[in-house]
């Protein structure tokens, strides 16, 4: 299951013109258009769930689904994006079509969006035999089946009517190929090569060069603690310059072996620390008991915070009633010249002596 956005303003297709023509005109809309979110789902056998469309409006109009694929569900949100409420409604739609049970459970793969991790959605999935599993972060472009084989052709076919493009694109081979390309089914643990993990290597690890012979014409072998670097050849002039400019080695004796940090020879680029306190995410079984318990505790803390704020407002209101009527806690005292500003029942500013 995954979401994607389609726009109401289409890009113009290719135009046939005479070879050598300097100017070729095309007709396109001058509007920016609005984004409509499409929720699609497919299984490893190539069967598709009727899609759902989220429109950027307050109330849903059934006329907007004219020409949509049979069984299409329509939602309306202010932004046109999915949220927790829409995802719960889509889960009910998923349950009506797939009909999972507690004895015959169904695995639903989703991304790590916050709308998929609400307490209401987790509870509904657990009660209806749906095991929610989230993808690892920053990997959906390589393992999400719909991203691999479906959404690209869908947006390519989408020129005028969405239903025509969807039924033309929703083929069995695209669904099967998406799961196979992502290594999900049949399971393939070797779809990622070692080179694809290189950007995620920690730059704080100390990569130590075991042996560097100074004064030689060629550095024959440089063995580093990282498995990425196997053999490095450098000219004598470059080697002399690097060793001379290194702050680690002050004195180099020709023919001797020294220990050098690779960062001192070629510093690795480091990303700036993030200012936010966003929690690191990982692939999780969202319907598992530990995840639900953590989500329930978080929900209880938020509810306690709201209740404390309401209780604090009530206390301030009682203090205002006991005193002069303002929220600053001024007390009624005779022969007092304190000036108090407060709002009366008509919400108009009033000034009087307390």
Protein backbone atom coordinates (compact mmCIF):
# COMPACT_ATOMS: atom_id res chain seq x y z
CA UNK A 1 0.00 0.00 0.00
CA UNK A 2 1.30 3.44 -0.88
CA UNK A 3 0.16 6.97 -1.68
CA UNK A 4 1.09 9.18 -4.58
CA UNK A 5 -0.04 12.53 -5.92
CA UNK A 6 -1.52 13.34 -9.31
CA UNK A 7 -2.23 16.86 -10.53
CA UNK A 8 -5.36 18.19 -12.19
CA UNK A 9 -3.24 19.96 -14.82
CA UNK A 10 -1.65 17.52 -17.26
CA UNK A 11 1.72 17.87 -18.91
CA UNK A 12 1.50 18.11 -22.70
CA UNK A 13 2.55 15.03 -24.62
CA UNK A 14 4.99 14.81 -27.49
CA UNK A 15 4.27 16.91 -30.55
CA UNK A 16 5.04 15.85 -34.11
CA UNK A 17 6.63 18.65 -36.16
CA UNK A 18 8.58 18.99 -39.35
CA UNK A 19 12.30 18.33 -39.01
CA UNK A 20 14.31 21.54 -38.77
CA UNK A 21 11.43 23.65 -37.42
CA UNK A 22 12.78 26.33 -35.10
CA UNK A 23 9.60 26.96 -33.10
CA UNK A 24 7.08 24.27 -32.18
CA UNK A 25 3.97 25.39 -30.32
CA UNK A 26 2.07 23.41 -27.71
CA UNK A 27 -1.13 23.90 -25.77
CA UNK A 28 -1.01 23.66 -22.00
CA UNK A 29 -2.95 25.06 -19.08
CA UNK A 30 -1.77 28.25 -17.45
CA UNK A 31 -3.02 27.07 -14.07
CA UNK A 32 -0.84 25.37 -11.49
CA UNK A 33 -3.51 22.82 -10.74
CA UNK A 34 -4.31 21.02 -7.49
CA UNK A 35 -2.83 17.87 -6.08
CA UNK A 36 -5.04 14.80 -5.59
CA UNK A 37 -3.66 11.95 -3.50
CA UNK A 38 -4.22 8.41 -4.77
CA UNK A 39 -3.99 5.41 -2.42
CA UNK A 40 -3.22 2.15 -4.22
CA UNK A 41 -2.55 -1.40 -3.03
CA UNK A 42 -1.40 -4.58 -4.77
CA UNK A 43 -0.37 -8.04 -3.59
CA UNK A 44 2.42 -10.36 -4.71
CA UNK A 45 0.06 -12.22 -7.10
CA UNK A 46 -0.73 -9.05 -9.06
CA UNK A 47 -4.23 -8.42 -7.66
CA UNK A 48 -5.13 -4.77 -7.07
CA UNK A 49 -7.38 -3.20 -4.47
CA UNK A 50 -9.82 -0.55 -5.77
CA UNK A 51 -8.00 2.76 -5.27
CA UNK A 52 -8.96 5.67 -3.03
CA UNK A 53 -8.70 9.33 -4.02
CA UNK A 54 -8.28 12.24 -1.60
CA UNK A 55 -9.44 15.63 -2.88
CA UNK A 56 -8.43 19.03 -1.43
CA UNK A 57 -11.87 20.19 -0.34
CA UNK A 58 -14.11 20.34 2.71
CA UNK A 59 -16.95 18.12 1.51
CA UNK A 60 -16.76 15.16 -0.82
CA UNK A 61 -18.80 15.30 -4.01
CA UNK A 62 -19.59 11.89 -5.57
CA UNK A 63 -19.52 13.50 -9.02
CA UNK A 64 -15.74 13.78 -8.71
CA UNK A 65 -15.45 9.99 -9.00
CA UNK A 66 -17.06 9.95 -12.43
CA UNK A 67 -14.79 7.96 -14.74
CA UNK A 68 -12.80 6.47 -11.83
CA UNK A 69 -12.09 2.70 -11.64
CA UNK A 70 -14.98 0.59 -10.28
CA UNK A 71 -15.08 0.50 -6.49
CA UNK A 72 -13.00 3.67 -6.06
CA UNK A 73 -13.33 5.33 -2.66
CA UNK A 74 -13.46 9.12 -2.34
CA UNK A 75 -12.28 11.26 0.59
CA UNK A 76 -11.96 14.99 1.18
CA UNK A 77 -9.36 16.73 3.32
CA UNK A 78 -8.41 20.38 3.53
CA UNK A 79 -4.92 19.82 2.12
CA UNK A 80 -5.65 16.89 -0.17
CA UNK A 81 -3.15 14.73 1.72
CA UNK A 82 -3.76 11.64 3.79
CA UNK A 83 -4.14 11.79 7.56
CA UNK A 84 -4.89 9.43 10.45
CA UNK A 85 -8.66 9.59 9.98
CA UNK A 86 -8.45 8.84 6.25
CA UNK A 87 -6.09 5.92 6.81
CA UNK A 88 -8.52 4.31 9.29
CA UNK A 89 -11.33 4.67 6.75
CA UNK A 90 -9.09 3.13 4.10
CA UNK A 91 -8.34 0.20 6.45
CA UNK A 92 -12.07 -0.45 6.68
CA UNK A 93 -12.20 -0.41 2.87
CA UNK A 94 -9.25 -2.84 2.82
CA UNK A 95 -11.03 -5.13 5.30
CA UNK A 96 -14.25 -5.17 3.27
CA UNK A 97 -12.42 -6.25 0.11
CA UNK A 98 -9.67 -8.57 1.41
CA UNK A 99 -11.70 -9.93 4.37
CA UNK A 100 -8.85 -10.81 6.75
CA UNK A 101 -9.62 -12.66 10.00
CA UNK A 102 -7.76 -13.42 13.21
CA UNK A 103 -7.30 -16.99 11.96
CA UNK A 104 -6.26 -15.91 8.46
CA UNK A 105 -4.15 -12.81 8.95
CA UNK A 106 -2.89 -10.53 6.18
CA UNK A 107 0.42 -8.64 6.10
CA UNK A 108 0.11 -5.02 4.99
CA UNK A 109 3.35 -3.23 4.09
CA UNK A 110 3.30 0.54 4.58
CA UNK A 111 5.83 3.36 4.78
CA UNK A 112 6.73 5.16 7.99
CA UNK A 113 4.31 8.07 7.60
CA UNK A 114 2.78 9.31 10.84
CA UNK A 115 -0.76 8.66 9.61
CA UNK A 116 -0.01 4.92 9.59
CA UNK A 117 1.02 4.91 13.26
CA UNK A 118 -2.03 6.26 15.04
CA UNK A 119 -3.44 4.37 17.99
CA UNK A 120 -6.84 4.04 16.31
CA UNK A 121 -5.32 2.50 13.18
CA UNK A 122 -3.15 0.06 15.16
CA UNK A 123 -6.10 -1.04 17.29
CA UNK A 124 -8.33 -1.55 14.24
CA UNK A 125 -5.65 -3.57 12.45
CA UNK A 126 -5.05 -5.82 15.46
CA UNK A 127 -8.77 -6.47 15.91
CA UNK A 128 -9.28 -7.42 12.25
CA UNK A 129 -6.27 -9.66 11.60
CA UNK A 130 -4.03 -7.14 9.79
CA UNK A 131 -0.30 -7.17 10.53
CA UNK A 132 1.10 -3.71 9.72
CA UNK A 133 4.81 -3.68 8.91
CA UNK A 134 6.66 -0.49 7.97
CA UNK A 135 9.50 -0.26 5.47
CA UNK A 136 12.96 0.88 6.59
CA UNK A 137 13.37 4.66 6.26
CA UNK A 138 14.88 6.08 3.04
CA UNK A 139 14.50 2.73 1.23
CA UNK A 140 11.04 2.84 -0.31
CA UNK A 141 12.44 3.91 -3.68
CA UNK A 142 14.18 0.51 -3.87
CA UNK A 143 11.83 -1.92 -2.11
CA UNK A 144 8.31 -0.43 -2.35
CA UNK A 145 6.62 -2.45 -5.16
CA UNK A 146 4.28 0.35 -6.24
CA UNK A 147 7.14 2.84 -6.49
CA UNK A 148 9.22 0.43 -8.54
CA UNK A 149 6.80 -0.63 -11.27
CA UNK A 150 3.40 1.05 -10.95
CA UNK A 151 3.33 4.77 -10.17
CA UNK A 152 5.80 5.69 -12.93
CA UNK A 153 3.77 4.13 -15.77
CA UNK A 154 0.52 5.35 -14.16
CA UNK A 155 1.60 8.99 -14.35
CA UNK A 156 2.87 8.40 -17.87
CA UNK A 157 -0.53 7.11 -19.01
CA UNK A 158 -2.44 9.78 -17.08
CA UNK A 159 -3.36 12.34 -19.71
CA UNK A 160 -7.09 13.00 -19.46
CA UNK A 161 -9.08 10.48 -17.35
CA UNK A 162 -7.55 8.75 -14.33
CA UNK A 163 -9.71 5.63 -14.63
CA UNK A 164 -8.45 4.91 -18.14
CA UNK A 165 -4.82 5.29 -17.07
CA UNK A 166 -5.30 3.13 -13.96
CA UNK A 167 -6.95 0.21 -15.76
CA UNK A 168 -4.30 0.36 -18.47
CA UNK A 169 -1.49 0.27 -15.91
CA UNK A 170 -2.90 -2.14 -13.30
CA UNK A 171 -1.65 -5.36 -14.88
CA UNK A 172 -0.60 -8.59 -13.22
CA UNK A 173 2.97 -8.47 -14.49
CA UNK A 174 3.56 -5.02 -12.94
CA UNK A 175 2.37 -6.21 -9.53
CA UNK A 176 4.44 -9.41 -9.62
CA UNK A 177 7.48 -7.57 -10.96
CA UNK A 178 7.24 -4.94 -8.20
CA UNK A 179 7.50 -7.52 -5.41
CA UNK A 180 10.25 -9.39 -7.24
CA UNK A 181 12.29 -6.23 -7.95
CA UNK A 182 12.10 -5.19 -4.31
CA UNK A 183 13.22 -8.63 -3.12
CA UNK A 184 10.07 -9.09 -1.03
CA UNK A 185 8.55 -12.06 -2.88
CA UNK A 186 10.31 -14.28 -3.72
CA UNK A 187 12.58 -13.18 -0.87
CA UNK A 188 15.96 -11.98 -2.10
CA UNK A 189 18.51 -10.75 0.41
CA UNK A 190 21.05 -9.78 -2.28
CA UNK A 191 19.19 -7.02 -4.13
CA UNK A 192 21.41 -4.38 -2.47
CA UNK A 193 25.11 -4.32 -3.31
CA UNK A 194 27.84 -3.19 -0.92
CA UNK A 195 28.37 -0.02 -2.95
CA UNK A 196 24.79 1.08 -2.27
CA UNK A 197 25.48 1.07 1.47
CA UNK A 198 28.57 3.30 1.09
CA UNK A 199 26.74 6.62 1.77
CA UNK A 200 25.57 5.27 5.12
CA UNK A 201 29.06 4.45 6.40
CA UNK A 202 29.90 6.25 9.62
CA UNK A 203 32.50 8.95 9.02
CA UNK A 204 33.54 8.95 12.67
CA UNK A 205 35.28 5.55 12.42
CA UNK A 206 39.07 5.81 12.54
CA UNK A 207 40.49 4.32 9.35
CA UNK A 208 44.13 3.51 10.15
CA UNK A 209 46.73 2.89 7.48
CA UNK A 210 48.81 -0.03 8.73
CA UNK A 211 52.01 0.55 6.80
CA UNK A 212 53.34 3.59 4.96
CA UNK A 213 56.94 3.47 3.77
CA UNK A 214 58.27 7.00 3.41
CA UNK A 215 60.89 7.93 0.86
CA UNK A 216 60.01 5.15 -1.60
CA UNK A 217 59.14 5.92 -5.19
CA UNK A 218 55.79 4.15 -4.93
CA UNK A 219 53.59 3.32 -1.97
CA UNK A 220 53.04 -0.32 -2.84
CA UNK A 221 50.09 -1.21 -0.65
CA UNK A 222 47.89 0.80 1.68
CA UNK A 223 45.78 -1.45 3.88
CA UNK A 224 42.97 0.33 5.68
CA UNK A 225 40.62 -0.91 8.36
CA UNK A 226 37.69 -0.21 6.04
CA UNK A 227 36.79 -2.96 3.58
CA UNK A 228 35.96 -0.32 0.97
CA UNK A 229 39.60 0.65 0.41
CA UNK A 230 41.73 -2.27 -0.82
CA UNK A 231 44.65 -0.88 -2.75
CA UNK A 232 45.81 2.68 -3.35
CA UNK A 233 48.75 3.66 -5.55
CA UNK A 234 50.30 7.10 -5.27
CA UNK A 235 53.29 8.76 -6.93
CA UNK A 236 56.37 9.70 -4.93
CA UNK A 237 55.73 13.42 -5.25
CA UNK A 238 52.18 13.06 -3.99
CA UNK A 239 53.26 10.75 -1.15
CA UNK A 240 56.01 13.15 -0.02
CA UNK A 241 53.59 16.09 -0.09
CA UNK A 242 50.89 14.22 1.85
CA UNK A 243 53.28 13.01 4.55
CA UNK A 244 54.91 16.45 4.80
CA UNK A 245 51.58 18.23 5.18
CA UNK A 246 50.23 15.72 7.70
CA UNK A 247 49.98 17.05 11.23
CA UNK A 248 50.22 13.51 12.63
CA UNK A 249 53.76 12.79 11.43
CA UNK A 250 56.33 15.44 12.42
CA UNK A 251 59.48 13.54 11.58
CA UNK A 252 59.70 10.87 8.90
CA UNK A 253 62.67 8.52 8.80
CA UNK A 254 63.26 7.06 5.30
CA UNK A 255 62.51 3.36 5.16
CA UNK A 256 60.57 3.30 8.46
CA UNK A 257 56.99 2.16 9.06
CA UNK A 258 54.55 4.59 10.66
CA UNK A 259 50.89 4.64 11.73
CA UNK A 260 48.79 7.30 9.98
CA UNK A 261 45.09 8.12 10.26
CA UNK A 262 43.42 8.19 6.87
CA UNK A 263 41.38 11.22 7.98
CA UNK A 264 44.60 13.21 8.29
CA UNK A 265 45.57 12.31 4.72
CA UNK A 266 42.17 12.83 3.15
CA UNK A 267 39.52 14.21 5.52
CA UNK A 268 36.07 12.74 4.99
CA UNK A 269 33.18 15.18 4.48
CA UNK A 270 30.90 15.40 7.49
CA UNK A 271 27.28 16.45 7.49
CA UNK A 272 26.24 19.26 9.79
CA UNK A 273 24.47 18.11 12.96
CA UNK A 274 20.69 18.25 12.78
CA UNK A 275 19.06 20.93 14.84
CA UNK A 276 15.83 19.00 15.40
CA UNK A 277 15.22 16.23 17.91
CA UNK A 278 13.59 13.84 15.50
CA UNK A 279 13.71 10.24 16.65
CA UNK A 280 15.52 7.80 14.38
CA UNK A 281 13.09 5.41 12.72
CA UNK A 282 13.45 1.81 11.59
CA UNK A 283 11.36 -0.95 10.07
CA UNK A 284 8.83 -2.03 12.68
CA UNK A 285 5.90 -4.37 13.18
CA UNK A 286 3.34 -1.65 13.90
CA UNK A 287 0.72 -4.06 15.24
CA UNK A 288 3.11 -5.69 17.71
CA UNK A 289 2.40 -5.42 21.42
CA UNK A 290 5.57 -3.38 22.31
CA UNK A 291 4.85 -0.79 19.63
CA UNK A 292 1.21 -0.48 20.67
CA UNK A 293 2.19 -0.18 24.34
CA UNK A 294 4.68 2.62 23.55
CA UNK A 295 2.05 4.37 21.43
CA UNK A 296 -0.52 4.01 24.22
CA UNK A 297 1.87 5.53 26.78
CA UNK A 298 2.58 8.45 24.46
CA UNK A 299 -1.13 9.00 23.96
CA UNK A 300 -1.72 8.95 27.73
CA UNK A 301 1.03 11.54 28.28
CA UNK A 302 -0.51 13.83 25.68
CA UNK A 303 -3.93 13.42 27.28
CA UNK A 304 -2.52 14.23 30.73
CA UNK A 305 -0.90 17.35 29.30
CA UNK A 306 -4.22 18.51 27.87
CA UNK A 307 -5.99 17.81 31.17
CA UNK A 308 -3.34 19.74 33.12
CA UNK A 309 -3.74 22.73 30.83
CA UNK A 310 -7.53 22.65 31.28
CA UNK A 311 -7.13 22.35 35.07
CA UNK A 312 -4.72 25.30 35.11
CA UNK A 313 -7.20 27.47 33.21
CA UNK A 314 -9.95 26.48 35.64
CA UNK A 315 -7.81 27.47 38.64
CA UNK A 316 -7.04 30.85 37.10
CA UNK A 317 -10.73 31.39 36.42
CA UNK A 318 -11.64 30.62 40.06
CA UNK A 319 -8.96 33.01 41.29
CA UNK A 320 -10.37 35.70 39.03
CA UNK A 321 -13.86 35.20 40.43
CA UNK A 322 -12.58 35.39 44.02
CA UNK A 323 -10.66 38.59 43.36
CA UNK A 324 -11.56 41.63 41.33
CA UNK A 325 -12.59 39.74 38.21
CA UNK A 326 -9.35 40.00 36.27
CA UNK A 327 -6.88 37.24 35.55
CA UNK A 328 -3.97 39.04 37.15
CA UNK A 329 -4.96 38.08 40.70
CA UNK A 330 -5.54 41.63 41.93
CA UNK A 331 -7.33 41.66 45.32
CA UNK A 332 -10.07 44.00 46.46
CA UNK A 333 -8.68 46.34 49.09
CA UNK A 334 -10.03 49.60 50.36
CA UNK A 335 -8.10 52.80 49.75
CA UNK A 336 -6.09 51.05 47.00
CA UNK A 337 -5.09 53.00 43.91
CA UNK A 338 -4.17 49.97 41.79
CA UNK A 339 -5.51 50.24 38.26
CA UNK A 340 -6.85 46.95 36.83
CA UNK A 341 -7.64 46.23 33.18
CA UNK A 342 -9.95 43.29 32.46
CA UNK A 343 -12.69 42.16 30.09
CA UNK A 344 -16.30 42.21 31.20
CA UNK A 345 -19.09 39.94 29.99
CA UNK A 346 -19.45 41.92 26.75
CA UNK A 347 -15.71 41.35 26.04
CA UNK A 348 -15.05 45.09 26.05
CA UNK A 349 -12.09 46.58 27.84
CA UNK A 350 -12.92 48.23 31.16
CA UNK A 351 -10.84 50.25 33.58
CA UNK A 352 -11.70 50.71 37.20
CA UNK A 353 -10.08 51.07 40.60
CA UNK A 354 -9.81 47.85 42.59
